[in-house]
Amino acid sequence: MPITLLLRCRHLETTRDHYRHRLGFTVADSAELTFTAELDGSRLIFTEQDLWTAPVACSGTFYFAIADVERYYASIKDKADIVWPLQDMPYGSRDFGVRDCNGYHLAFTQIA
């Protein structure tokens, strides 16, 4: 089942540019003051609005299961802030991680 996350960002235009040009997501305006970033059917929606009325912290990593993790890694490795390089993990997957311009950690793993 696909999931779509709504995340707060510091600057909408900076985040839009980061996801489009550094991470290679498809980016489109969605509702007012938001945009959607999509990769292989997974979506993130970003807003600058404070919808939570309290400081929001995210201490997790968002995993994206994609069709060709090696090809995707090769396409962004020189443009993205790589947290860990593409590698075979002890738990059986092949993945890598990046940090986006807002400090969110994203991981990309090969679809089995």
PDB file of N, CA and C in Angstrom:
ATOM      1  N   MET A   1       0.852  -1.171   0.000  1.00  0.00           N
ATOM      2  CA  MET A   1       0.000   0.000   0.000  1.00  0.00           C
ATOM      3  C   MET A   1       0.898   1.234   0.000  1.00  0.00           C
ATOM      4  N   PRO A   2       0.722   2.119  -0.971  1.00  0.00           N
ATOM      5  CA  PRO A   2       1.518   3.360  -1.006  1.00  0.00           C
ATOM      6  C   PRO A   2       1.128   4.283   0.144  1.00  0.00           C
ATOM      7  N   ILE A   3       2.095   5.070   0.561  1.00  0.00           N
ATOM      8  CA  ILE A   3       1.849   6.058   1.613  1.00  0.00           C
ATOM      9  C   ILE A   3       2.322   7.417   1.103  1.00  0.00           C
ATOM     10  N   THR A   4       1.604   8.457   1.470  1.00  0.00           N
ATOM     11  CA  THR A   4       1.989   9.819   1.151  1.00  0.00           C
ATOM     12  C   THR A   4       2.196  10.554   2.464  1.00  0.00           C
ATOM     13  N   LEU A   5       3.344  11.205   2.603  1.00  0.00           N
ATOM     14  CA  LEU A   5       3.654  11.942   3.828  1.00  0.00           C
ATOM     15  C   LEU A   5       3.538  13.436   3.582  1.00  0.00           C
ATOM     16  N   LEU A   6       2.988  14.153   4.542  1.00  0.00           N
ATOM     17  CA  LEU A   6       2.941  15.614   4.524  1.00  0.00           C
ATOM     18  C   LEU A   6       4.014  16.100   5.481  1.00  0.00           C
ATOM     19  N   LEU A   7       4.990  16.844   4.950  1.00  0.00           N
ATOM     20  CA  LEU A   7       6.134  17.283   5.744  1.00  0.00           C
ATOM     21  C   LEU A   7       6.270  18.797   5.689  1.00  0.00           C
ATOM     22  N   ARG A   8       6.706  19.362   6.788  1.00  0.00           N
ATOM     23  CA  ARG A   8       6.983  20.800   6.831  1.00  0.00           C
ATOM     24  C   ARG A   8       8.389  21.044   6.297  1.00  0.00           C
ATOM     25  N   CYS A   9       8.543  22.102   5.535  1.00  0.00           N
ATOM     26  CA  CYS A   9       9.866  22.467   5.019  1.00  0.00           C
ATOM     27  C   CYS A   9      10.164  23.912   5.387  1.00  0.00           C
ATOM     28  N   ARG A  10      11.449  24.250   5.324  1.00  0.00           N
ATOM     29  CA  ARG A  10      11.877  25.609   5.668  1.00  0.00           C
ATOM     30  C   ARG A  10      11.516  26.603   4.571  1.00  0.00           C
ATOM     31  N   HIS A  11      11.818  26.228   3.326  1.00  0.00           N
ATOM     32  CA  HIS A  11      11.569  27.098   2.174  1.00  0.00           C
ATOM     33  C   HIS A  11      11.015  26.243   1.037  1.00  0.00           C
ATOM     34  N   LEU A  12       9.813  26.549   0.622  1.00  0.00           N
ATOM     35  CA  LEU A  12       9.133  25.749  -0.394  1.00  0.00           C
ATOM     36  C   LEU A  12       9.922  25.696  -1.702  1.00  0.00           C
ATOM     37  N   GLU A  13      10.393  26.834  -2.189  1.00  0.00           N
ATOM     38  CA  GLU A  13      11.098  26.853  -3.478  1.00  0.00           C
ATOM     39  C   GLU A  13      12.440  26.130  -3.406  1.00  0.00           C
ATOM     40  N   THR A  14      13.165  26.284  -2.307  1.00  0.00           N
ATOM     41  CA  THR A  14      14.435  25.579  -2.138  1.00  0.00           C
ATOM     42  C   THR A  14      14.204  24.073  -2.110  1.00  0.00           C
ATOM     43  N   THR A  15      13.174  23.661  -1.390  1.00  0.00           N
ATOM     44  CA  THR A  15      12.859  22.235  -1.287  1.00  0.00           C
ATOM     45  C   THR A  15      12.407  21.694  -2.637  1.00  0.00           C
ATOM     46  N   ARG A  16      11.576  22.427  -3.340  1.00  0.00           N
ATOM     47  CA  ARG A  16      11.116  22.010  -4.672  1.00  0.00           C
ATOM     48  C   ARG A  16      12.309  21.816  -5.602  1.00  0.00           C
ATOM     49  N   ASP A  17      13.229  22.762  -5.616  1.00  0.00           N
ATOM     50  CA  ASP A  17      14.417  22.682  -6.471  1.00  0.00           C
ATOM     51  C   ASP A  17      15.293  21.486  -6.074  1.00  0.00           C
ATOM     52  N   HIS A  18      15.469  21.271  -4.786  1.00  0.00           N
ATOM     53  CA  HIS A  18      16.284  20.166  -4.287  1.00  0.00           C
ATOM     54  C   HIS A  18      15.737  18.820  -4.762  1.00  0.00           C
ATOM     55  N   TYR A  19      14.441  18.625  -4.602  1.00  0.00           N
ATOM     56  CA  TYR A  19      13.850  17.346  -4.992  1.00  0.00           C
ATOM     57  C   TYR A  19      13.842  17.153  -6.505  1.00  0.00           C
ATOM     58  N   ARG A  20      13.628  18.212  -7.242  1.00  0.00           N
ATOM     59  CA  ARG A  20      13.606  18.098  -8.706  1.00  0.00           C
ATOM     60  C   ARG A  20      15.012  17.903  -9.267  1.00  0.00           C
ATOM     61  N   HIS A  21      15.945  18.769  -8.903  1.00  0.00           N
ATOM     62  CA  HIS A  21      17.248  18.790  -9.572  1.00  0.00           C
ATOM     63  C   HIS A  21      18.322  17.936  -8.906  1.00  0.00           C
ATOM     64  N   ARG A  22      18.269  17.769  -7.611  1.00  0.00           N
ATOM     65  CA  ARG A  22      19.293  16.954  -6.939  1.00  0.00           C
ATOM     66  C   ARG A  22      18.860  15.503  -6.760  1.00  0.00           C
ATOM     67  N   LEU A  23      17.579  15.291  -6.444  1.00  0.00           N
ATOM     68  CA  LEU A  23      17.114  13.938  -6.174  1.00  0.00           C
ATOM     69  C   LEU A  23      16.323  13.321  -7.320  1.00  0.00           C
ATOM     70  N   GLY A  24      16.009  14.089  -8.348  1.00  0.00           N
ATOM     71  CA  GLY A  24      15.361  13.539  -9.532  1.00  0.00           C
ATOM     72  C   GLY A  24      13.916  13.113  -9.364  1.00  0.00           C
ATOM     73  N   PHE A  25      13.238  13.677  -8.373  1.00  0.00           N
ATOM     74  CA  PHE A  25      11.814  13.395  -8.196  1.00  0.00           C
ATOM     75  C   PHE A  25      11.020  14.176  -9.240  1.00  0.00           C
ATOM     76  N   THR A  26       9.839  13.699  -9.574  1.00  0.00           N
ATOM     77  CA  THR A  26       8.872  14.464 -10.350  1.00  0.00           C
ATOM     78  C   THR A  26       8.174  15.392  -9.361  1.00  0.00           C
ATOM     79  N   VAL A  27       8.133  16.678  -9.672  1.00  0.00           N
ATOM     80  CA  VAL A  27       7.604  17.672  -8.742  1.00  0.00           C
ATOM     81  C   VAL A  27       6.443  18.400  -9.400  1.00  0.00           C
ATOM     82  N   ALA A  28       5.352  18.555  -8.651  1.00  0.00           N
ATOM     83  CA  ALA A  28       4.172  19.258  -9.179  1.00  0.00           C
ATOM     84  C   ALA A  28       3.489  20.020  -8.052  1.00  0.00           C
ATOM     85  N   ASP A  29       2.928  21.183  -8.394  1.00  0.00           N
ATOM     86  CA  ASP A  29       2.134  21.920  -7.419  1.00  0.00           C
ATOM     87  C   ASP A  29       0.931  21.069  -7.049  1.00  0.00           C
ATOM     88  N   SER A  30       0.574  21.095  -5.773  1.00  0.00           N
ATOM     89  CA  SER A  30      -0.629  20.394  -5.339  1.00  0.00           C
ATOM     90  C   SER A  30      -1.575  21.439  -4.783  1.00  0.00           C
ATOM     91  N   ALA A  31      -2.028  21.308  -3.575  1.00  0.00           N
ATOM     92  CA  ALA A  31      -2.941  22.298  -3.004  1.00  0.00           C
ATOM     93  C   ALA A  31      -2.191  23.599  -2.751  1.00  0.00           C
ATOM     94  N   GLU A  32      -2.934  24.620  -2.371  1.00  0.00           N
ATOM     95  CA  GLU A  32      -2.348  25.936  -2.110  1.00  0.00           C
ATOM     96  C   GLU A  32      -1.194  25.828  -1.120  1.00  0.00           C
ATOM     97  N   LEU A  33      -0.066  26.444  -1.447  1.00  0.00           N
ATOM     98  CA  LEU A  33       1.119  26.502  -0.608  1.00  0.00           C
ATOM     99  C   LEU A  33       1.752  25.139  -0.329  1.00  0.00           C
ATOM    100  N   THR A  34       1.548  24.186  -1.250  1.00  0.00           N
ATOM    101  CA  THR A  34       2.192  22.875  -1.140  1.00  0.00           C
ATOM    102  C   THR A  34       2.650  22.421  -2.519  1.00  0.00           C
ATOM    103  N   PHE A  35       3.563  21.454  -2.523  1.00  0.00           N
ATOM    104  CA  PHE A  35       3.891  20.758  -3.754  1.00  0.00           C
ATOM    105  C   PHE A  35       4.109  19.292  -3.429  1.00  0.00           C
ATOM    106  N   THR A  36       3.990  18.451  -4.437  1.00  0.00           N
ATOM    107  CA  THR A  36       4.163  17.009  -4.296  1.00  0.00           C
ATOM    108  C   THR A  36       5.416  16.586  -5.038  1.00  0.00           C
ATOM    109  N   ALA A  37       6.243  15.785  -4.375  1.00  0.00           N
ATOM    110  CA  ALA A  37       7.434  15.193  -4.975  1.00  0.00           C
ATOM    111  C   ALA A  37       7.183  13.690  -5.053  1.00  0.00           C
ATOM    112  N   GLU A  38       7.376  13.100  -6.247  1.00  0.00           N
ATOM    113  CA  GLU A  38       7.054  11.690  -6.439  1.00  0.00           C
ATOM    114  C   GLU A  38       8.228  10.943  -7.065  1.00  0.00           C
ATOM    115  N   LEU A  39       8.433   9.723  -6.595  1.00  0.00           N
ATOM    116  CA  LEU A  39       9.449   8.831  -7.152  1.00  0.00           C
ATOM    117  C   LEU A  39       8.923   7.405  -7.072  1.00  0.00           C
ATOM    118  N   ASP A  40       8.798   6.763  -8.221  1.00  0.00           N
ATOM    119  CA  ASP A  40       8.350   5.362  -8.291  1.00  0.00           C
ATOM    120  C   ASP A  40       7.074   5.101  -7.492  1.00  0.00           C
ATOM    121  N   GLY A  41       6.125   6.029  -7.549  1.00  0.00           N
ATOM    122  CA  GLY A  41       4.835   5.833  -6.895  1.00  0.00           C
ATOM    123  C   GLY A  41       4.764   6.277  -5.442  1.00  0.00           C
ATOM    124  N   SER A  42       5.890   6.630  -4.838  1.00  0.00           N
ATOM    125  CA  SER A  42       5.886   7.151  -3.469  1.00  0.00           C
ATOM    126  C   SER A  42       5.857   8.673  -3.523  1.00  0.00           C
ATOM    127  N   ARG A  43       5.097   9.286  -2.603  1.00  0.00           N
ATOM    128  CA  ARG A  43       4.925  10.734  -2.634  1.00  0.00           C
ATOM    129  C   ARG A  43       5.240  11.381  -1.310  1.00  0.00           C
ATOM    130  N   LEU A  44       5.828  12.559  -1.406  1.00  0.00           N
ATOM    131  CA  LEU A  44       6.002  13.449  -0.266  1.00  0.00           C
ATOM    132  C   LEU A  44       5.320  14.756  -0.625  1.00  0.00           C
ATOM    133  N   ILE A  45       4.545  15.301   0.281  1.00  0.00           N
ATOM    134  CA  ILE A  45       3.935  16.615   0.089  1.00  0.00           C
ATOM    135  C   ILE A  45       4.610  17.552   1.076  1.00  0.00           C
ATOM    136  N   PHE A  46       5.031  18.721   0.581  1.00  0.00           N
ATOM    137  CA  PHE A  46       5.732  19.691   1.419  1.00  0.00           C
ATOM    138  C   PHE A  46       4.923  20.967   1.551  1.00  0.00           C
ATOM    139  N   THR A  47       5.009  21.558   2.728  1.00  0.00           N
ATOM    140  CA  THR A  47       4.375  22.845   3.010  1.00  0.00           C
ATOM    141  C   THR A  47       5.274  23.643   3.946  1.00  0.00           C
ATOM    142  N   GLU A  48       5.215  24.958   3.854  1.00  0.00           N
ATOM    143  CA  GLU A  48       5.885  25.834   4.819  1.00  0.00           C
ATOM    144  C   GLU A  48       4.964  26.151   5.986  1.00  0.00           C
ATOM    145  N   GLN A  49       3.687  25.857   5.823  1.00  0.00           N
ATOM    146  CA  GLN A  49       2.702  26.204   6.844  1.00  0.00           C
ATOM    147  C   GLN A  49       2.948  25.416   8.124  1.00  0.00           C
ATOM    148  N   ASP A  50       2.705  26.063   9.261  1.00  0.00           N
ATOM    149  CA  ASP A  50       2.808  25.388  10.543  1.00  0.00           C
ATOM    150  C   ASP A  50       1.441  24.801  10.881  1.00  0.00           C
ATOM    151  N   LEU A  51       1.187  23.611  10.370  1.00  0.00           N
ATOM    152  CA  LEU A  51      -0.100  22.959  10.587  1.00  0.00           C
ATOM    153  C   LEU A  51      -0.175  22.261  11.938  1.00  0.00           C
ATOM    154  N   TRP A  52       0.934  22.165  12.622  1.00  0.00           N
ATOM    155  CA  TRP A  52       1.014  21.369  13.836  1.00  0.00           C
ATOM    156  C   TRP A  52       1.022  22.227  15.093  1.00  0.00           C
ATOM    157  N   THR A  53       1.165  23.519  14.965  1.00  0.00           N
ATOM    158  CA  THR A  53       1.161  24.507  16.062  1.00  0.00           C
ATOM    159  C   THR A  53       2.150  24.200  17.181  1.00  0.00           C
ATOM    160  N   ALA A  54       3.115  23.385  16.899  1.00  0.00           N
ATOM    161  CA  ALA A  54       4.182  23.100  17.857  1.00  0.00           C
ATOM    162  C   ALA A  54       5.407  22.665  17.058  1.00  0.00           C
ATOM    163  N   PRO A  55       6.576  22.797  17.637  1.00  0.00           N
ATOM    164  CA  PRO A  55       7.755  22.342  16.916  1.00  0.00           C
ATOM    165  C   PRO A  55       7.628  20.864  16.545  1.00  0.00           C
ATOM    166  N   VAL A  56       7.975  20.562  15.309  1.00  0.00           N
ATOM    167  CA  VAL A  56       7.885  19.193  14.812  1.00  0.00           C
ATOM    168  C   VAL A  56       9.294  18.669  14.599  1.00  0.00           C
ATOM    169  N   ALA A  57       9.562  17.506  15.115  1.00  0.00           N
ATOM    170  CA  ALA A  57      10.855  16.869  14.893  1.00  0.00           C
ATOM    171  C   ALA A  57      10.604  15.491  14.310  1.00  0.00           C
ATOM    172  N   CYS A  58      11.456  15.082  13.432  1.00  0.00           N
ATOM    173  CA  CYS A  58      11.348  13.763  12.829  1.00  0.00           C
ATOM    174  C   CYS A  58      12.642  13.021  13.118  1.00  0.00           C
ATOM    175  N   SER A  59      12.538  11.928  13.836  1.00  0.00           N
ATOM    176  CA  SER A  59      13.739  11.194  14.205  1.00  0.00           C
ATOM    177  C   SER A  59      13.896   9.904  13.415  1.00  0.00           C
ATOM    178  N   GLY A  60      13.132   9.749  12.341  1.00  0.00           N
ATOM    179  CA  GLY A  60      13.178   8.513  11.571  1.00  0.00           C
ATOM    180  C   GLY A  60      13.793   8.696  10.202  1.00  0.00           C
ATOM    181  N   THR A  61      13.786   7.618   9.441  1.00  0.00           N
ATOM    182  CA  THR A  61      14.243   7.609   8.061  1.00  0.00           C
ATOM    183  C   THR A  61      13.098   7.129   7.192  1.00  0.00           C
ATOM    184  N   PHE A  62      12.854   7.826   6.088  1.00  0.00           N
ATOM    185  CA  PHE A  62      11.810   7.425   5.151  1.00  0.00           C
ATOM    186  C   PHE A  62      12.433   6.520   4.092  1.00  0.00           C
ATOM    187  N   TYR A  63      11.932   5.299   3.962  1.00  0.00           N
ATOM    188  CA  TYR A  63      12.447   4.339   2.979  1.00  0.00           C
ATOM    189  C   TYR A  63      11.574   4.340   1.732  1.00  0.00           C
ATOM    190  N   PHE A  64      12.234   4.365   0.582  1.00  0.00           N
ATOM    191  CA  PHE A  64      11.579   4.281  -0.708  1.00  0.00           C
ATOM    192  C   PHE A  64      12.029   2.993  -1.394  1.00  0.00           C
ATOM    193  N   ALA A  65      11.110   2.113  -1.722  1.00  0.00           N
ATOM    194  CA  ALA A  65      11.440   0.899  -2.474  1.00  0.00           C
ATOM    195  C   ALA A  65      11.331   1.246  -3.955  1.00  0.00           C
ATOM    196  N   ILE A  66      12.449   1.144  -4.674  1.00  0.00           N
ATOM    197  CA  ILE A  66      12.469   1.545  -6.070  1.00  0.00           C
ATOM    198  C   ILE A  66      12.948   0.395  -6.952  1.00  0.00           C
ATOM    199  N   ALA A  67      12.649   0.498  -8.235  1.00  0.00           N
ATOM    200  CA  ALA A  67      12.906  -0.593  -9.176  1.00  0.00           C
ATOM    201  C   ALA A  67      14.388  -0.823  -9.455  1.00  0.00           C
ATOM    202  N   ASP A  68      15.174   0.239  -9.559  1.00  0.00           N
ATOM    203  CA  ASP A  68      16.586   0.083  -9.915  1.00  0.00           C
ATOM    204  C   ASP A  68      17.433   0.993  -9.034  1.00  0.00           C
ATOM    205  N   VAL A  69      17.765   0.515  -7.845  1.00  0.00           N
ATOM    206  CA  VAL A  69      18.475   1.335  -6.867  1.00  0.00           C
ATOM    207  C   VAL A  69      19.872   1.710  -7.353  1.00  0.00           C
ATOM    208  N   GLU A  70      20.544   0.825  -8.079  1.00  0.00           N
ATOM    209  CA  GLU A  70      21.893   1.135  -8.571  1.00  0.00           C
ATOM    210  C   GLU A  70      21.867   2.272  -9.588  1.00  0.00           C
ATOM    211  N   ARG A  71      20.933   2.228 -10.506  1.00  0.00           N
ATOM    212  CA  ARG A  71      20.821   3.293 -11.511  1.00  0.00           C
ATOM    213  C   ARG A  71      20.465   4.623 -10.853  1.00  0.00           C
ATOM    214  N   TYR A  72      19.522   4.585  -9.897  1.00  0.00           N
ATOM    215  CA  TYR A  72      19.138   5.815  -9.217  1.00  0.00           C
ATOM    216  C   TYR A  72      20.312   6.381  -8.421  1.00  0.00           C
ATOM    217  N   TYR A  73      21.038   5.530  -7.711  1.00  0.00           N
ATOM    218  CA  TYR A  73      22.209   5.978  -6.951  1.00  0.00           C
ATOM    219  C   TYR A  73      23.224   6.654  -7.872  1.00  0.00           C
ATOM    220  N   ALA A  74      23.502   6.028  -9.005  1.00  0.00           N
ATOM    221  CA  ALA A  74      24.464   6.600  -9.960  1.00  0.00           C
ATOM    222  C   ALA A  74      24.000   7.971 -10.451  1.00  0.00           C
ATOM    223  N   SER A  75      22.694   8.161 -10.577  1.00  0.00           N
ATOM    224  CA  SER A  75      22.180   9.425 -11.119  1.00  0.00           C
ATOM    225  C   SER A  75      22.214  10.571 -10.118  1.00  0.00           C
ATOM    226  N   ILE A  76      22.264  10.291  -8.806  1.00  0.00           N
ATOM    227  CA  ILE A  76      22.218  11.382  -7.821  1.00  0.00           C
ATOM    228  C   ILE A  76      23.432  11.464  -6.913  1.00  0.00           C
ATOM    229  N   LYS A  77      24.321  10.477  -6.928  1.00  0.00           N
ATOM    230  CA  LYS A  77      25.399  10.410  -5.930  1.00  0.00           C
ATOM    231  C   LYS A  77      26.298  11.641  -5.908  1.00  0.00           C
ATOM    232  N   ASP A  78      26.462  12.322  -7.032  1.00  0.00           N
ATOM    233  CA  ASP A  78      27.319  13.509  -7.074  1.00  0.00           C
ATOM    234  C   ASP A  78      26.560  14.804  -6.797  1.00  0.00           C
ATOM    235  N   LYS A  79      25.232  14.709  -6.618  1.00  0.00           N
ATOM    236  CA  LYS A  79      24.412  15.894  -6.394  1.00  0.00           C
ATOM    237  C   LYS A  79      23.780  15.935  -5.013  1.00  0.00           C
ATOM    238  N   ALA A  80      23.655  14.775  -4.375  1.00  0.00           N
ATOM    239  CA  ALA A  80      22.937  14.670  -3.106  1.00  0.00           C
ATOM    240  C   ALA A  80      23.906  14.571  -1.931  1.00  0.00           C
ATOM    241  N   ASP A  81      23.398  14.860  -0.743  1.00  0.00           N
ATOM    242  CA  ASP A  81      24.157  14.697   0.496  1.00  0.00           C
ATOM    243  C   ASP A  81      24.008  13.237   0.928  1.00  0.00           C
ATOM    244  N   ILE A  82      24.965  12.404   0.556  1.00  0.00           N
ATOM    245  CA  ILE A  82      24.901  10.970   0.824  1.00  0.00           C
ATOM    246  C   ILE A  82      25.237  10.712   2.295  1.00  0.00           C
ATOM    247  N   VAL A  83      24.338  10.055   3.008  1.00  0.00           N
ATOM    248  CA  VAL A  83      24.551   9.717   4.408  1.00  0.00           C
ATOM    249  C   VAL A  83      25.272   8.379   4.517  1.00  0.00           C
ATOM    250  N   TRP A  84      24.858   7.403   3.704  1.00  0.00           N
ATOM    251  CA  TRP A  84      25.607   6.158   3.569  1.00  0.00           C
ATOM    252  C   TRP A  84      25.516   5.720   2.115  1.00  0.00           C
ATOM    253  N   PRO A  85      26.611   5.200   1.564  1.00  0.00           N
ATOM    254  CA  PRO A  85      26.655   4.839   0.145  1.00  0.00           C
ATOM    255  C   PRO A  85      25.874   3.554  -0.139  1.00  0.00           C
ATOM    256  N   LEU A  86      25.637   3.310  -1.398  1.00  0.00           N
ATOM    257  CA  LEU A  86      24.957   2.093  -1.829  1.00  0.00           C
ATOM    258  C   LEU A  86      25.739   0.880  -1.344  1.00  0.00           C
ATOM    259  N   GLN A  87      25.033  -0.017  -0.658  1.00  0.00           N
ATOM    260  CA  GLN A  87      25.702  -1.195  -0.107  1.00  0.00           C
ATOM    261  C   GLN A  87      24.696  -2.286   0.228  1.00  0.00           C
ATOM    262  N   ASP A  88      25.209  -3.509   0.335  1.00  0.00           N
ATOM    263  CA  ASP A  88      24.407  -4.631   0.808  1.00  0.00           C
ATOM    264  C   ASP A  88      24.353  -4.543   2.323  1.00  0.00           C
ATOM    265  N   MET A  89      23.151  -4.531   2.845  1.00  0.00           N
ATOM    266  CA  MET A  89      22.968  -4.358   4.283  1.00  0.00           C
ATOM    267  C   MET A  89      22.881  -5.721   4.975  1.00  0.00           C
ATOM    268  N   PRO A  90      23.253  -5.784   6.256  1.00  0.00           N
ATOM    269  CA  PRO A  90      23.217  -7.056   6.981  1.00  0.00           C
ATOM    270  C   PRO A  90      21.818  -7.657   7.092  1.00  0.00           C
ATOM    271  N   TYR A  91      20.799  -6.822   6.951  1.00  0.00           N
ATOM    272  CA  TYR A  91      19.425  -7.315   7.054  1.00  0.00           C
ATOM    273  C   TYR A  91      18.863  -7.738   5.701  1.00  0.00           C
ATOM    274  N   GLY A  92      19.723  -7.802   4.664  1.00  0.00           N
ATOM    275  CA  GLY A  92      19.334  -8.415   3.403  1.00  0.00           C
ATOM    276  C   GLY A  92      18.952  -7.497   2.258  1.00  0.00           C
ATOM    277  N   SER A  93      18.923  -6.206   2.469  1.00  0.00           N
ATOM    278  CA  SER A  93      18.563  -5.301   1.373  1.00  0.00           C
ATOM    279  C   SER A  93      19.810  -4.632   0.810  1.00  0.00           C
ATOM    280  N   ARG A  94      19.644  -3.995  -0.321  1.00  0.00           N
ATOM    281  CA  ARG A  94      20.699  -3.185  -0.942  1.00  0.00           C
ATOM    282  C   ARG A  94      20.158  -1.779  -0.988  1.00  0.00           C
ATOM    283  N   ASP A  95      20.784  -0.862  -0.244  1.00  0.00           N
ATOM    284  CA  ASP A  95      20.220   0.484  -0.188  1.00  0.00           C
ATOM    285  C   ASP A  95      21.285   1.541   0.087  1.00  0.00           C
ATOM    286  N   PHE A  96      20.856   2.791   0.053  1.00  0.00           N
ATOM    287  CA  PHE A  96      21.698   3.938   0.396  1.00  0.00           C
ATOM    288  C   PHE A  96      20.818   5.008   1.002  1.00  0.00           C
ATOM    289  N   GLY A  97      21.452   5.981   1.662  1.00  0.00           N
ATOM    290  CA  GLY A  97      20.698   7.032   2.316  1.00  0.00           C
ATOM    291  C   GLY A  97      21.201   8.411   1.961  1.00  0.00           C
ATOM    292  N   VAL A  98      20.281   9.388   1.980  1.00  0.00           N
ATOM    293  CA  VAL A  98      20.611  10.793   1.743  1.00  0.00           C
ATOM    294  C   VAL A  98      19.954  11.644   2.821  1.00  0.00           C
ATOM    295  N   ARG A  99      20.464  12.867   2.962  1.00  0.00           N
ATOM    296  CA  ARG A  99      19.849  13.888   3.814  1.00  0.00           C
ATOM    297  C   ARG A  99      19.352  14.982   2.880  1.00  0.00           C
ATOM    298  N   ASP A 100      18.097  15.360   3.005  1.00  0.00           N
ATOM    299  CA  ASP A 100      17.582  16.406   2.129  1.00  0.00           C
ATOM    300  C   ASP A 100      17.899  17.786   2.687  1.00  0.00           C
ATOM    301  N   CYS A 101      17.470  18.820   1.997  1.00  0.00           N
ATOM    302  CA  CYS A 101      17.788  20.195   2.362  1.00  0.00           C
ATOM    303  C   CYS A 101      17.089  20.651   3.645  1.00  0.00           C
ATOM    304  N   ASN A 102      16.151  19.878   4.163  1.00  0.00           N
ATOM    305  CA  ASN A 102      15.465  20.195   5.415  1.00  0.00           C
ATOM    306  C   ASN A 102      15.960  19.349   6.580  1.00  0.00           C
ATOM    307  N   GLY A 103      16.904  18.448   6.301  1.00  0.00           N
ATOM    308  CA  GLY A 103      17.427  17.571   7.342  1.00  0.00           C
ATOM    309  C   GLY A 103      16.732  16.224   7.441  1.00  0.00           C
ATOM    310  N   TYR A 104      15.732  15.967   6.586  1.00  0.00           N
ATOM    311  CA  TYR A 104      15.075  14.661   6.586  1.00  0.00           C
ATOM    312  C   TYR A 104      16.014  13.611   5.994  1.00  0.00           C
ATOM    313  N   HIS A 105      15.986  12.413   6.563  1.00  0.00           N
ATOM    314  CA  HIS A 105      16.778  11.308   6.036  1.00  0.00           C
ATOM    315  C   HIS A 105      15.892  10.431   5.167  1.00  0.00           C
ATOM    316  N   LEU A 106      16.357  10.177   3.954  1.00  0.00           N
ATOM    317  CA  LEU A 106      15.645   9.323   3.006  1.00  0.00           C
ATOM    318  C   LEU A 106      16.544   8.154   2.662  1.00  0.00           C
ATOM    319  N   ALA A 107      15.989   6.958   2.590  1.00  0.00           N
ATOM    320  CA  ALA A 107      16.735   5.782   2.168  1.00  0.00           C
ATOM    321  C   ALA A 107      16.052   5.201   0.942  1.00  0.00           C
ATOM    322  N   PHE A 108      16.846   4.658   0.050  1.00  0.00           N
ATOM    323  CA  PHE A 108      16.347   4.064  -1.174  1.00  0.00           C
ATOM    324  C   PHE A 108      16.819   2.629  -1.222  1.00  0.00           C
ATOM    325  N   THR A 109      15.882   1.700  -1.397  1.00  0.00           N
ATOM    326  CA  THR A 109      16.186   0.282  -1.365  1.00  0.00           C
ATOM    327  C   THR A 109      15.655  -0.403  -2.617  1.00  0.00           C
ATOM    328  N   GLN A 110      16.298  -1.460  -3.011  1.00  0.00           N
ATOM    329  CA  GLN A 110      15.914  -2.212  -4.210  1.00  0.00           C
ATOM    330  C   GLN A 110      14.637  -2.999  -3.936  1.00  0.00           C
ATOM    331  N   ILE A 111      13.686  -2.918  -4.864  1.00  0.00           N
ATOM    332  CA  ILE A 111      12.501  -3.771  -4.778  1.00  0.00           C
ATOM    333  C   ILE A 111      12.954  -5.198  -5.044  1.00  0.00           C
ATOM    334  N   ALA A 112      12.548  -6.105  -4.191  1.00  0.00           N
ATOM    335  CA  ALA A 112      12.966  -7.515  -4.330  1.00  0.00           C
ATOM    336  C   ALA A 112      12.287  -8.174  -5.510  1.00  0.00           C
TER     337      ALA A 112
END
